[in-house]
Amino acid sequence: MIEADQAELSVATMCKVLKVSKSGFYDWRVRPPSARAMANVVLTEKIRAAHKMSKESYGMPRIRGELLDD
């Protein structure tokens, strides 16, 4: 698997391949996380906690049920 490495690929090249502007890339790097991204972090932690509390035996349907009960 090939990893993107700044020593091998410039930001300009990566932006061209990904069809994004360089200014958009640099803006994205310093932009604070969105409310949705922060909510996803909280949800992920709740999912991990529910899975751990089930001794890692619950799958998606039971985890979903646990989260809905909360």
PDB file of N, CA and C in Angstrom:
ATOM      1  N   MET A   1       0.850  -1.183   0.000  1.00  0.00           N
ATOM      2  CA  MET A   1       0.000   0.000   0.000  1.00  0.00           C
ATOM      3  C   MET A   1       0.890   1.238   0.000  1.00  0.00           C
ATOM      4  N   ILE A   2       0.542   2.188  -0.818  1.00  0.00           N
ATOM      5  CA  ILE A   2       1.320   3.419  -0.921  1.00  0.00           C
ATOM      6  C   ILE A   2       0.693   4.464  -0.010  1.00  0.00           C
ATOM      7  N   GLU A   3       1.511   5.088   0.815  1.00  0.00           N
ATOM      8  CA  GLU A   3       1.047   6.142   1.702  1.00  0.00           C
ATOM      9  C   GLU A   3       1.441   7.498   1.131  1.00  0.00           C
ATOM     10  N   ALA A   4       0.551   8.488   1.316  1.00  0.00           N
ATOM     11  CA  ALA A   4       0.878   9.842   0.885  1.00  0.00           C
ATOM     12  C   ALA A   4       1.915  10.413   1.837  1.00  0.00           C
ATOM     13  N   ASP A   5       3.000  10.845   1.295  1.00  0.00           N
ATOM     14  CA  ASP A   5       4.092  11.381   2.101  1.00  0.00           C
ATOM     15  C   ASP A   5       4.500  12.705   1.483  1.00  0.00           C
ATOM     16  N   GLN A   6       4.507  13.771   2.287  1.00  0.00           N
ATOM     17  CA  GLN A   6       4.842  15.079   1.735  1.00  0.00           C
ATOM     18  C   GLN A   6       6.204  15.105   1.074  1.00  0.00           C
ATOM     19  N   ALA A   7       7.120  14.247   1.500  1.00  0.00           N
ATOM     20  CA  ALA A   7       8.434  14.218   0.878  1.00  0.00           C
ATOM     21  C   ALA A   7       8.328  13.725  -0.568  1.00  0.00           C
ATOM     22  N   GLU A   8       7.282  12.950  -0.874  1.00  0.00           N
ATOM     23  CA  GLU A   8       7.119  12.397  -2.215  1.00  0.00           C
ATOM     24  C   GLU A   8       6.117  13.177  -3.050  1.00  0.00           C
ATOM     25  N   LEU A   9       5.064  13.684  -2.421  1.00  0.00           N
ATOM     26  CA  LEU A   9       4.019  14.398  -3.146  1.00  0.00           C
ATOM     27  C   LEU A   9       3.827  15.786  -2.556  1.00  0.00           C
ATOM     28  N   SER A  10       3.762  16.769  -3.409  1.00  0.00           N
ATOM     29  CA  SER A  10       3.536  18.127  -2.921  1.00  0.00           C
ATOM     30  C   SER A  10       2.052  18.338  -2.655  1.00  0.00           C
ATOM     31  N   VAL A  11       1.744  19.340  -1.861  1.00  0.00           N
ATOM     32  CA  VAL A  11       0.357  19.691  -1.586  1.00  0.00           C
ATOM     33  C   VAL A  11      -0.340  20.025  -2.903  1.00  0.00           C
ATOM     34  N   ALA A  12       0.347  20.726  -3.779  1.00  0.00           N
ATOM     35  CA  ALA A  12      -0.245  21.100  -5.069  1.00  0.00           C
ATOM     36  C   ALA A  12      -0.644  19.859  -5.867  1.00  0.00           C
ATOM     37  N   THR A  13       0.220  18.852  -5.897  1.00  0.00           N
ATOM     38  CA  THR A  13      -0.072  17.624  -6.630  1.00  0.00           C
ATOM     39  C   THR A  13      -1.255  16.886  -6.013  1.00  0.00           C
ATOM     40  N   MET A  14      -1.249  16.763  -4.677  1.00  0.00           N
ATOM     41  CA  MET A  14      -2.355  16.065  -4.014  1.00  0.00           C
ATOM     42  C   MET A  14      -3.672  16.791  -4.245  1.00  0.00           C
ATOM     43  N   CYS A  15      -3.661  18.113  -4.171  1.00  0.00           N
ATOM     44  CA  CYS A  15      -4.890  18.884  -4.382  1.00  0.00           C
ATOM     45  C   CYS A  15      -5.394  18.723  -5.811  1.00  0.00           C
ATOM     46  N   LYS A  16      -4.466  18.697  -6.760  1.00  0.00           N
ATOM     47  CA  LYS A  16      -4.863  18.516  -8.158  1.00  0.00           C
ATOM     48  C   LYS A  16      -5.508  17.154  -8.364  1.00  0.00           C
ATOM     49  N   VAL A  17      -4.910  16.101  -7.809  1.00  0.00           N
ATOM     50  CA  VAL A  17      -5.442  14.742  -7.945  1.00  0.00           C
ATOM     51  C   VAL A  17      -6.813  14.628  -7.277  1.00  0.00           C
ATOM     52  N   LEU A  18      -6.954  15.250  -6.109  1.00  0.00           N
ATOM     53  CA  LEU A  18      -8.209  15.177  -5.350  1.00  0.00           C
ATOM     54  C   LEU A  18      -9.233  16.222  -5.785  1.00  0.00           C
ATOM     55  N   LYS A  19      -8.829  17.074  -6.719  1.00  0.00           N
ATOM     56  CA  LYS A  19      -9.705  18.119  -7.256  1.00  0.00           C
ATOM     57  C   LYS A  19     -10.234  19.057  -6.178  1.00  0.00           C
ATOM     58  N   VAL A  20      -9.311  19.509  -5.323  1.00  0.00           N
ATOM     59  CA  VAL A  20      -9.626  20.530  -4.319  1.00  0.00           C
ATOM     60  C   VAL A  20      -8.619  21.663  -4.483  1.00  0.00           C
ATOM     61  N   SER A  21      -9.017  22.846  -4.076  1.00  0.00           N
ATOM     62  CA  SER A  21      -8.099  23.980  -4.187  1.00  0.00           C
ATOM     63  C   SER A  21      -7.074  23.939  -3.051  1.00  0.00           C
ATOM     64  N   LYS A  22      -5.912  24.495  -3.332  1.00  0.00           N
ATOM     65  CA  LYS A  22      -4.890  24.571  -2.283  1.00  0.00           C
ATOM     66  C   LYS A  22      -5.375  25.437  -1.133  1.00  0.00           C
ATOM     67  N   SER A  23      -6.036  26.550  -1.453  1.00  0.00           N
ATOM     68  CA  SER A  23      -6.522  27.432  -0.381  1.00  0.00           C
ATOM     69  C   SER A  23      -7.586  26.714   0.456  1.00  0.00           C
ATOM     70  N   GLY A  24      -8.428  25.920  -0.185  1.00  0.00           N
ATOM     71  CA  GLY A  24      -9.431  25.143   0.553  1.00  0.00           C
ATOM     72  C   GLY A  24      -8.784  24.132   1.476  1.00  0.00           C
ATOM     73  N   PHE A  25      -7.711  23.491   1.011  1.00  0.00           N
ATOM     74  CA  PHE A  25      -6.989  22.526   1.842  1.00  0.00           C
ATOM     75  C   PHE A  25      -6.410  23.213   3.076  1.00  0.00           C
ATOM     76  N   TYR A  26      -5.746  24.357   2.865  1.00  0.00           N
ATOM     77  CA  TYR A  26      -5.134  25.047   3.992  1.00  0.00           C
ATOM     78  C   TYR A  26      -6.181  25.602   4.954  1.00  0.00           C
ATOM     79  N   ASP A  27      -7.323  26.056   4.431  1.00  0.00           N
ATOM     80  CA  ASP A  27      -8.424  26.488   5.303  1.00  0.00           C
ATOM     81  C   ASP A  27      -8.949  25.322   6.128  1.00  0.00           C
ATOM     82  N   TRP A  28      -9.097  24.168   5.494  1.00  0.00           N
ATOM     83  CA  TRP A  28      -9.611  22.972   6.174  1.00  0.00           C
ATOM     84  C   TRP A  28      -8.694  22.554   7.334  1.00  0.00           C
ATOM     85  N   ARG A  29      -7.390  22.686   7.131  1.00  0.00           N
ATOM     86  CA  ARG A  29      -6.438  22.279   8.177  1.00  0.00           C
ATOM     87  C   ARG A  29      -6.593  23.056   9.468  1.00  0.00           C
ATOM     88  N   VAL A  30      -6.976  24.308   9.409  1.00  0.00           N
ATOM     89  CA  VAL A  30      -7.062  25.130  10.613  1.00  0.00           C
ATOM     90  C   VAL A  30      -8.502  25.329  11.092  1.00  0.00           C
ATOM     91  N   ARG A  31      -9.459  24.802  10.341  1.00  0.00           N
ATOM     92  CA  ARG A  31     -10.862  24.970  10.712  1.00  0.00           C
ATOM     93  C   ARG A  31     -11.177  24.103  11.935  1.00  0.00           C
ATOM     94  N   PRO A  32     -11.919  24.642  12.910  1.00  0.00           N
ATOM     95  CA  PRO A  32     -12.298  23.819  14.070  1.00  0.00           C
ATOM     96  C   PRO A  32     -13.283  22.728  13.641  1.00  0.00           C
ATOM     97  N   PRO A  33     -13.361  21.642  14.399  1.00  0.00           N
ATOM     98  CA  PRO A  33     -14.292  20.564  14.047  1.00  0.00           C
ATOM     99  C   PRO A  33     -15.732  21.075  14.045  1.00  0.00           C
ATOM    100  N   SER A  34     -16.520  20.546  13.125  1.00  0.00           N
ATOM    101  CA  SER A  34     -17.924  20.934  13.042  1.00  0.00           C
ATOM    102  C   SER A  34     -18.704  20.333  14.211  1.00  0.00           C
ATOM    103  N   ALA A  35     -19.900  20.839  14.413  1.00  0.00           N
ATOM    104  CA  ALA A  35     -20.766  20.295  15.465  1.00  0.00           C
ATOM    105  C   ALA A  35     -21.049  18.821  15.193  1.00  0.00           C
ATOM    106  N   ARG A  36     -21.228  18.461  13.927  1.00  0.00           N
ATOM    107  CA  ARG A  36     -21.504  17.061  13.573  1.00  0.00           C
ATOM    108  C   ARG A  36     -20.288  16.187  13.887  1.00  0.00           C
ATOM    109  N   ALA A  37     -19.105  16.662  13.584  1.00  0.00           N
ATOM    110  CA  ALA A  37     -17.893  15.891  13.879  1.00  0.00           C
ATOM    111  C   ALA A  37     -17.742  15.673  15.378  1.00  0.00           C
ATOM    112  N   MET A  38     -18.043  16.702  16.158  1.00  0.00           N
ATOM    113  CA  MET A  38     -17.944  16.568  17.614  1.00  0.00           C
ATOM    114  C   MET A  38     -19.011  15.608  18.140  1.00  0.00           C
ATOM    115  N   ALA A  39     -20.216  15.667  17.573  1.00  0.00           N
ATOM    116  CA  ALA A  39     -21.282  14.743  17.973  1.00  0.00           C
ATOM    117  C   ALA A  39     -20.893  13.306  17.631  1.00  0.00           C
ATOM    118  N   ASN A  40     -20.209  13.113  16.500  1.00  0.00           N
ATOM    119  CA  ASN A  40     -19.758  11.772  16.119  1.00  0.00           C
ATOM    120  C   ASN A  40     -18.749  11.213  17.114  1.00  0.00           C
ATOM    121  N   VAL A  41     -17.888  12.071  17.639  1.00  0.00           N
ATOM    122  CA  VAL A  41     -16.902  11.636  18.641  1.00  0.00           C
ATOM    123  C   VAL A  41     -17.623  11.161  19.903  1.00  0.00           C
ATOM    124  N   VAL A  42     -18.611  11.933  20.346  1.00  0.00           N
ATOM    125  CA  VAL A  42     -19.381  11.562  21.541  1.00  0.00           C
ATOM    126  C   VAL A  42     -20.117  10.248  21.306  1.00  0.00           C
ATOM    127  N   LEU A  43     -20.762  10.112  20.143  1.00  0.00           N
ATOM    128  CA  LEU A  43     -21.495   8.893  19.824  1.00  0.00           C
ATOM    129  C   LEU A  43     -20.563   7.683  19.766  1.00  0.00           C
ATOM    130  N   THR A  44     -19.404   7.856  19.175  1.00  0.00           N
ATOM    131  CA  THR A  44     -18.427   6.763  19.094  1.00  0.00           C
ATOM    132  C   THR A  44     -18.024   6.293  20.482  1.00  0.00           C
ATOM    133  N   GLU A  45     -17.807   7.223  21.399  1.00  0.00           N
ATOM    134  CA  GLU A  45     -17.447   6.849  22.772  1.00  0.00           C
ATOM    135  C   GLU A  45     -18.585   6.093  23.457  1.00  0.00           C
ATOM    136  N   LYS A  46     -19.824   6.505  23.219  1.00  0.00           N
ATOM    137  CA  LYS A  46     -20.974   5.803  23.800  1.00  0.00           C
ATOM    138  C   LYS A  46     -21.082   4.389  23.243  1.00  0.00           C
ATOM    139  N   ILE A  47     -20.828   4.242  21.955  1.00  0.00           N
ATOM    140  CA  ILE A  47     -20.859   2.915  21.321  1.00  0.00           C
ATOM    141  C   ILE A  47     -19.783   2.022  21.921  1.00  0.00           C
ATOM    142  N   ARG A  48     -18.580   2.562  22.059  1.00  0.00           N
ATOM    143  CA  ARG A  48     -17.476   1.777  22.642  1.00  0.00           C
ATOM    144  C   ARG A  48     -17.781   1.373  24.078  1.00  0.00           C
ATOM    145  N   ALA A  49     -18.361   2.289  24.851  1.00  0.00           N
ATOM    146  CA  ALA A  49     -18.685   1.992  26.246  1.00  0.00           C
ATOM    147  C   ALA A  49     -19.748   0.902  26.329  1.00  0.00           C
ATOM    148  N   ALA A  50     -20.785   0.990  25.498  1.00  0.00           N
ATOM    149  CA  ALA A  50     -21.843  -0.029  25.506  1.00  0.00           C
ATOM    150  C   ALA A  50     -21.276  -1.376  25.088  1.00  0.00           C
ATOM    151  N   HIS A  51     -20.408  -1.388  24.114  1.00  0.00           N
ATOM    152  CA  HIS A  51     -19.791  -2.640  23.650  1.00  0.00           C
ATOM    153  C   HIS A  51     -18.931  -3.254  24.752  1.00  0.00           C
ATOM    154  N   LYS A  52     -18.177  -2.407  25.433  1.00  0.00           N
ATOM    155  CA  LYS A  52     -17.316  -2.895  26.510  1.00  0.00           C
ATOM    156  C   LYS A  52     -18.146  -3.435  27.677  1.00  0.00           C
ATOM    157  N   MET A  53     -19.238  -2.725  28.014  1.00  0.00           N
ATOM    158  CA  MET A  53     -20.092  -3.167  29.120  1.00  0.00           C
ATOM    159  C   MET A  53     -20.741  -4.521  28.819  1.00  0.00           C
ATOM    160  N   SER A  54     -20.916  -4.846  27.537  1.00  0.00           N
ATOM    161  CA  SER A  54     -21.503  -6.129  27.154  1.00  0.00           C
ATOM    162  C   SER A  54     -20.441  -7.223  27.066  1.00  0.00           C
ATOM    163  N   LYS A  55     -19.250  -6.905  27.554  1.00  0.00           N
ATOM    164  CA  LYS A  55     -18.101  -7.820  27.453  1.00  0.00           C
ATOM    165  C   LYS A  55     -17.803  -8.142  25.990  1.00  0.00           C
ATOM    166  N   GLU A  56     -18.009  -7.117  25.165  1.00  0.00           N
ATOM    167  CA  GLU A  56     -17.737  -7.182  23.730  1.00  0.00           C
ATOM    168  C   GLU A  56     -18.527  -8.269  23.013  1.00  0.00           C
ATOM    169  N   SER A  57     -19.742  -8.539  23.514  1.00  0.00           N
ATOM    170  CA  SER A  57     -20.569  -9.563  22.889  1.00  0.00           C
ATOM    171  C   SER A  57     -21.724  -8.981  22.077  1.00  0.00           C
ATOM    172  N   TYR A  58     -22.112  -7.729  22.341  1.00  0.00           N
ATOM    173  CA  TYR A  58     -23.226  -7.120  21.619  1.00  0.00           C
ATOM    174  C   TYR A  58     -22.780  -6.680  20.236  1.00  0.00           C
ATOM    175  N   GLY A  59     -23.661  -6.900  19.270  1.00  0.00           N
ATOM    176  CA  GLY A  59     -23.452  -6.402  17.916  1.00  0.00           C
ATOM    177  C   GLY A  59     -24.254  -5.126  17.717  1.00  0.00           C
ATOM    178  N   MET A  60     -24.364  -4.713  16.461  1.00  0.00           N
ATOM    179  CA  MET A  60     -25.030  -3.453  16.146  1.00  0.00           C
ATOM    180  C   MET A  60     -26.472  -3.376  16.655  1.00  0.00           C
ATOM    181  N   PRO A  61     -27.317  -4.408  16.469  1.00  0.00           N
ATOM    182  CA  PRO A  61     -28.704  -4.254  16.916  1.00  0.00           C
ATOM    183  C   PRO A  61     -28.839  -4.019  18.426  1.00  0.00           C
ATOM    184  N   ARG A  62     -28.085  -4.752  19.214  1.00  0.00           N
ATOM    185  CA  ARG A  62     -28.169  -4.584  20.670  1.00  0.00           C
ATOM    186  C   ARG A  62     -27.539  -3.273  21.122  1.00  0.00           C
ATOM    187  N   ILE A  63     -26.432  -2.894  20.503  1.00  0.00           N
ATOM    188  CA  ILE A  63     -25.796  -1.619  20.842  1.00  0.00           C
ATOM    189  C   ILE A  63     -26.770  -0.479  20.530  1.00  0.00           C
ATOM    190  N   ARG A  64     -27.411  -0.551  19.377  1.00  0.00           N
ATOM    191  CA  ARG A  64     -28.384   0.467  18.991  1.00  0.00           C
ATOM    192  C   ARG A  64     -29.512   0.533  20.011  1.00  0.00           C
ATOM    193  N   GLY A  65     -29.996  -0.622  20.441  1.00  0.00           N
ATOM    194  CA  GLY A  65     -31.044  -0.662  21.453  1.00  0.00           C
ATOM    195  C   GLY A  65     -30.602  -0.028  22.758  1.00  0.00           C
ATOM    196  N   GLU A  66     -29.383  -0.316  23.165  1.00  0.00           N
ATOM    197  CA  GLU A  66     -28.837   0.279  24.391  1.00  0.00           C
ATOM    198  C   GLU A  66     -28.796   1.802  24.279  1.00  0.00           C
ATOM    199  N   LEU A  67     -28.340   2.289  23.137  1.00  0.00           N
ATOM    200  CA  LEU A  67     -28.233   3.730  22.951  1.00  0.00           C
ATOM    201  C   LEU A  67     -29.616   4.386  22.900  1.00  0.00           C
ATOM    202  N   LEU A  68     -30.582   3.716  22.307  1.00  0.00           N
ATOM    203  CA  LEU A  68     -31.943   4.258  22.268  1.00  0.00           C
ATOM    204  C   LEU A  68     -32.581   4.295  23.644  1.00  0.00           C
ATOM    205  N   ASP A  69     -32.251   3.298  24.484  1.00  0.00           N
ATOM    206  CA  ASP A  69     -32.769   3.271  25.849  1.00  0.00           C
ATOM    207  C   ASP A  69     -32.227   4.433  26.686  1.00  0.00           C
ATOM    208  N   ASP A  70     -30.991   4.835  26.391  1.00  0.00           N
ATOM    209  CA  ASP A  70     -30.378   5.952  27.122  1.00  0.00           C
ATOM    210  C   ASP A  70     -30.995   7.232  26.643  1.00  0.00           C
TER     211      ASP A  70
END
